């Protein structure tokens, strides 16, 4: 008898057994990267290792990638350039065959510097881990991203006043006018729409959307919220996203 799937565990059933969703780890050849991939496979994740951007594109064509982990590789900006390529997949026909712009991405940085973290989030990273990285922390972050991605797919269509969100089509409209949002702006709006009129603290939003458990990244949250507010204002949703000073954000 086929076992009932536990929704708290984002795994995929394969040939009567279970295999976790595919993870693409991109990092220049290193013993640590190979060790992480082997550990992931031992924990029944389907994990593959790419040594750079071109290798990553090849593997993305061969595998059903569900999460990308970006370590360091040449050139120095290589990881950020690849991340921006993934996020621009919807607009760039040449990359559409490799990537889904909504892919969850974890960036691994060389240190805990604020500038490196800010650059990663501005490029579209969902999470950032500063080196040195432990396997247990990486696995926990991966599981959290997989659960969030699954919840986003299964969430119902939502509406708040004139705002309509079709989570199946990943589209947003206000008073019938389509609103083009980047992935993190969309995730922020969906989270706020699930609790309309409720003030969500910055720490709550950072934890839920960026998987941060501190106030690091608050500037990135503010910039995404500001862009989201401007895009809604442009189609008649003036003041729909409310900044509650010193606390966080809500929808009216």
Protein backbone atom coordinates (compact mmCIF):
# COMPACT_ATOMS: atom_id res chain seq x y z
CA UNK A 1 0.00 0.00 0.00
CA UNK A 2 1.28 3.45 -0.90
CA UNK A 3 2.04 5.46 2.21
CA UNK A 4 0.23 8.75 2.66
CA UNK A 5 2.54 11.67 2.17
CA UNK A 6 3.22 13.90 5.17
CA UNK A 7 2.86 17.52 3.99
CA UNK A 8 5.43 18.63 6.57
CA UNK A 9 8.04 16.67 4.59
CA UNK A 10 8.62 18.11 1.08
CA UNK A 11 9.69 14.84 -0.53
CA UNK A 12 8.79 13.20 -3.81
CA UNK A 13 7.78 9.56 -4.13
CA UNK A 14 9.88 7.69 -6.68
CA UNK A 15 9.33 4.03 -7.62
CA UNK A 16 7.67 3.20 -4.32
CA UNK A 17 10.40 4.89 -2.24
CA UNK A 18 10.98 8.52 -1.38
CA UNK A 19 13.44 10.95 -2.90
CA UNK A 20 13.67 14.59 -1.85
CA UNK A 21 13.20 17.38 -4.40
CA UNK A 22 16.23 17.99 -6.63
CA UNK A 23 18.84 20.45 -5.36
CA UNK A 24 21.42 22.09 -7.63
CA UNK A 25 24.57 23.04 -5.72
CA UNK A 26 26.82 25.42 -7.70
CA UNK A 27 30.37 25.96 -6.48
CA UNK A 28 33.89 25.70 -7.84
CA UNK A 29 35.42 22.31 -7.25
CA UNK A 30 35.99 21.87 -3.52
CA UNK A 31 35.99 19.02 -1.05
CA UNK A 32 33.41 20.82 1.12
CA UNK A 33 30.92 21.18 -1.74
CA UNK A 34 31.32 17.51 -2.66
CA UNK A 35 30.87 16.54 1.00
CA UNK A 36 27.64 18.57 1.26
CA UNK A 37 26.24 16.93 -1.88
CA UNK A 38 27.09 13.48 -0.54
CA UNK A 39 25.47 14.30 2.81
CA UNK A 40 22.33 15.53 1.03
CA UNK A 41 22.15 12.32 -0.99
CA UNK A 42 22.57 10.29 2.20
CA UNK A 43 19.55 12.17 3.59
CA UNK A 44 17.57 11.18 0.47
CA UNK A 45 17.78 14.51 -1.31
CA UNK A 46 18.40 14.30 -5.04
CA UNK A 47 21.43 16.59 -5.21
CA UNK A 48 23.79 17.47 -8.07
CA UNK A 49 26.97 19.57 -8.09
CA UNK A 50 27.92 22.11 -10.77
CA UNK A 51 31.34 23.75 -10.94
CA UNK A 52 30.18 26.97 -12.60
CA UNK A 53 27.44 28.78 -14.50
CA UNK A 54 27.66 26.84 -17.78
CA UNK A 55 27.73 23.51 -15.96
CA UNK A 56 24.73 24.65 -13.91
CA UNK A 57 22.76 25.45 -17.08
CA UNK A 58 23.53 21.98 -18.44
CA UNK A 59 22.37 20.28 -15.23
CA UNK A 60 19.24 22.47 -15.11
CA UNK A 61 18.27 21.09 -18.52
CA UNK A 62 18.85 17.52 -17.31
CA UNK A 63 17.17 17.66 -13.89
CA UNK A 64 13.94 18.99 -12.37
CA UNK A 65 15.61 21.56 -10.14
CA UNK A 66 13.62 22.62 -7.09
CA UNK A 67 16.25 24.62 -5.13
CA UNK A 68 19.58 26.22 -6.08
CA UNK A 69 22.47 26.65 -3.62
CA UNK A 70 24.99 29.21 -4.87
CA UNK A 71 28.49 29.05 -3.43
CA UNK A 72 31.54 30.87 -4.77
CA UNK A 73 32.96 30.30 -8.24
CA UNK A 74 34.89 32.18 -10.91
CA UNK A 75 34.61 34.93 -11.95
CA UNK A 76 34.28 36.73 -8.63
CA UNK A 77 30.74 37.94 -9.44
CA UNK A 78 29.82 34.62 -11.00
CA UNK A 79 27.30 33.59 -8.35
CA UNK A 80 25.46 36.93 -8.40
CA UNK A 81 25.42 36.98 -12.21
CA UNK A 82 23.90 33.49 -12.30
CA UNK A 83 21.33 34.49 -9.67
CA UNK A 84 20.31 37.53 -11.74
CA UNK A 85 20.04 35.27 -14.79
CA UNK A 86 17.67 32.94 -12.91
CA UNK A 87 15.52 35.83 -11.73
CA UNK A 88 15.36 37.26 -15.25
CA UNK A 89 14.26 33.96 -16.82
CA UNK A 90 10.70 35.15 -17.47
CA UNK A 91 11.89 38.11 -19.52
CA UNK A 92 14.79 36.40 -21.32
CA UNK A 93 13.64 33.81 -23.82
CA UNK A 94 17.16 32.38 -24.10
CA UNK A 95 17.22 31.29 -20.47
CA UNK A 96 13.60 30.20 -20.18
CA UNK A 97 14.51 26.60 -21.03
CA UNK A 98 17.01 26.39 -18.16
CA UNK A 99 15.38 28.21 -15.27
CA UNK A 100 12.14 29.02 -13.51
CA UNK A 101 12.42 32.60 -12.20
CA UNK A 102 10.60 31.50 -9.02
CA UNK A 103 13.24 28.92 -8.05
CA UNK A 104 14.19 29.21 -4.37
CA UNK A 105 17.87 30.18 -4.09
CA UNK A 106 20.24 30.09 -1.10
CA UNK A 107 23.46 32.11 -1.43
CA UNK A 108 26.54 31.13 0.56
CA UNK A 109 28.83 34.07 1.30
CA UNK A 110 32.49 34.16 2.26
CA UNK A 111 31.71 36.18 5.39
CA UNK A 112 28.97 37.90 7.41
CA UNK A 113 29.50 41.35 5.88
CA UNK A 114 26.37 43.46 5.48
CA UNK A 115 27.35 44.52 1.94
CA UNK A 116 27.71 40.94 0.71
CA UNK A 117 24.38 40.00 2.29
CA UNK A 118 22.62 43.05 0.81
CA UNK A 119 23.98 42.33 -2.68
CA UNK A 120 22.72 38.74 -2.49
CA UNK A 121 19.20 39.78 -1.47
CA UNK A 122 19.08 42.60 -4.01
CA UNK A 123 19.98 40.07 -6.72
CA UNK A 124 17.04 37.93 -5.62
CA UNK A 125 18.35 35.41 -3.08
CA UNK A 126 15.76 33.86 -0.77
CA UNK A 127 18.28 33.15 1.96
CA UNK A 128 21.92 33.86 2.79
CA UNK A 129 24.33 31.77 4.86
CA UNK A 130 27.69 33.18 5.89
CA UNK A 131 30.72 30.91 5.87
CA UNK A 132 31.74 28.73 7.62
CA UNK A 133 28.60 26.70 6.86
CA UNK A 134 27.56 23.61 8.78
CA UNK A 135 25.71 20.85 6.98
CA UNK A 136 22.95 20.81 9.62
CA UNK A 137 22.25 24.51 9.10
CA UNK A 138 22.24 24.11 5.32
CA UNK A 139 19.82 21.18 5.52
CA UNK A 140 17.48 23.11 7.85
CA UNK A 141 17.43 26.12 5.52
CA UNK A 142 16.78 23.89 2.49
CA UNK A 143 13.84 22.17 4.18
CA UNK A 144 12.35 25.55 5.12
CA UNK A 145 12.60 26.79 1.51
CA UNK A 146 11.06 23.61 0.12
CA UNK A 147 8.12 23.85 2.51
CA UNK A 148 7.54 27.50 1.62
CA UNK A 149 7.67 26.72 -2.10
CA UNK A 150 5.15 23.89 -1.65
CA UNK A 151 2.81 26.07 0.42
CA UNK A 152 2.93 28.80 -2.25
CA UNK A 153 1.91 26.32 -4.93
CA UNK A 154 -0.96 24.90 -2.89
CA UNK A 155 -2.35 28.21 -1.55
CA UNK A 156 -5.81 29.16 -2.89
CA UNK A 157 -6.58 32.17 -5.03
CA UNK A 158 -6.86 35.22 -2.79
CA UNK A 159 -8.57 38.59 -2.98
CA UNK A 160 -8.38 41.62 -0.72
CA UNK A 161 -10.69 44.40 -1.84
CA UNK A 162 -9.76 45.18 -5.46
CA UNK A 163 -6.59 43.09 -5.22
CA UNK A 164 -6.67 39.61 -6.78
CA UNK A 165 -3.85 37.06 -6.50
CA UNK A 166 -3.88 33.91 -8.62
CA UNK A 167 -1.24 31.70 -7.02
CA UNK A 168 -1.58 29.00 -9.68
CA UNK A 169 -0.75 31.50 -12.44
CA UNK A 170 1.59 33.49 -10.16
CA UNK A 171 -0.23 36.67 -11.23
CA UNK A 172 -1.52 39.78 -9.47
CA UNK A 173 -4.12 42.30 -10.59
CA UNK A 174 -5.67 45.37 -9.01
CA UNK A 175 -9.14 46.48 -10.16
CA UNK A 176 -8.66 44.24 -13.19
CA UNK A 177 -5.27 45.72 -14.15
CA UNK A 178 -2.36 43.26 -14.12
CA UNK A 179 0.58 44.21 -11.89
CA UNK A 180 4.06 42.96 -12.80
CA UNK A 181 6.00 42.02 -9.66
CA UNK A 182 9.39 40.46 -9.09
CA UNK A 183 9.37 37.20 -7.15
CA UNK A 184 10.15 38.62 -3.70
CA UNK A 185 7.66 41.48 -4.13
CA UNK A 186 5.07 38.83 -5.01
CA UNK A 187 5.93 36.68 -1.96
CA UNK A 188 5.73 39.73 0.30
CA UNK A 189 2.31 40.65 -1.09
CA UNK A 190 1.00 37.06 -0.74
CA UNK A 191 2.16 36.91 2.88
CA UNK A 192 0.47 40.21 3.73
CA UNK A 193 -2.70 39.18 1.84
CA UNK A 194 -3.02 36.04 3.97
CA UNK A 195 -3.47 38.32 7.00
CA UNK A 196 -5.14 41.48 5.65
CA UNK A 197 -5.39 44.45 8.04
CA UNK A 198 -2.97 42.67 10.42
CA UNK A 199 0.36 44.41 11.00
CA UNK A 200 3.22 42.00 10.23
CA UNK A 201 6.43 42.94 12.00
CA UNK A 202 9.63 43.31 10.03
CA UNK A 203 11.16 40.43 11.96
CA UNK A 204 8.19 38.20 11.09
CA UNK A 205 8.44 39.10 7.40
CA UNK A 206 12.21 38.60 7.35
CA UNK A 207 11.77 35.19 8.96
CA UNK A 208 8.90 34.09 6.71
CA UNK A 209 10.19 35.35 3.35
CA UNK A 210 13.97 35.61 3.72
CA UNK A 211 14.38 32.97 6.46
CA UNK A 212 16.20 35.49 8.67
CA UNK A 213 15.94 35.18 12.43
CA UNK A 214 17.41 38.61 13.18
CA UNK A 215 16.81 42.12 11.85
CA UNK A 216 19.54 41.67 9.24
CA UNK A 217 18.12 42.46 5.83
CA UNK A 218 15.62 45.08 7.06
CA UNK A 219 16.85 47.52 4.40
CA UNK A 220 16.20 44.95 1.69
CA UNK A 221 12.68 44.35 3.07
CA UNK A 222 12.00 48.10 3.05
CA UNK A 223 13.21 48.47 -0.55
CA UNK A 224 11.00 45.58 -1.75
CA UNK A 225 7.99 46.96 0.15
CA UNK A 226 8.60 50.43 -1.34
CA UNK A 227 8.72 49.05 -4.90
CA UNK A 228 5.59 46.97 -4.26
CA UNK A 229 3.75 50.02 -2.95
CA UNK A 230 4.75 52.13 -5.98
CA UNK A 231 3.58 49.45 -8.43
CA UNK A 232 0.19 49.19 -6.73
CA UNK A 233 -0.10 52.97 -6.51
CA UNK A 234 0.46 53.15 -10.28
CA UNK A 235 -2.72 51.12 -10.96
CA UNK A 236 -4.95 52.87 -8.43
CA UNK A 237 -4.01 51.10 -5.22
CA UNK A 238 -2.85 54.26 -3.48
CA UNK A 239 -1.82 53.52 0.09
CA UNK A 240 -2.79 49.84 -0.20
CA UNK A 241 0.52 48.75 1.36
CA UNK A 242 0.86 50.56 4.67
CA UNK A 243 4.18 51.10 6.43
CA UNK A 244 3.48 51.10 10.17
CA UNK A 245 6.51 53.02 11.34
CA UNK A 246 8.73 51.19 13.79
CA UNK A 247 6.67 47.97 13.49
CA UNK A 248 6.22 46.59 9.98
CA UNK A 249 3.69 46.43 7.13
CA UNK A 250 0.03 45.60 6.49
CA UNK A 251 -2.55 45.80 3.73
CA UNK A 252 -5.55 48.10 4.13
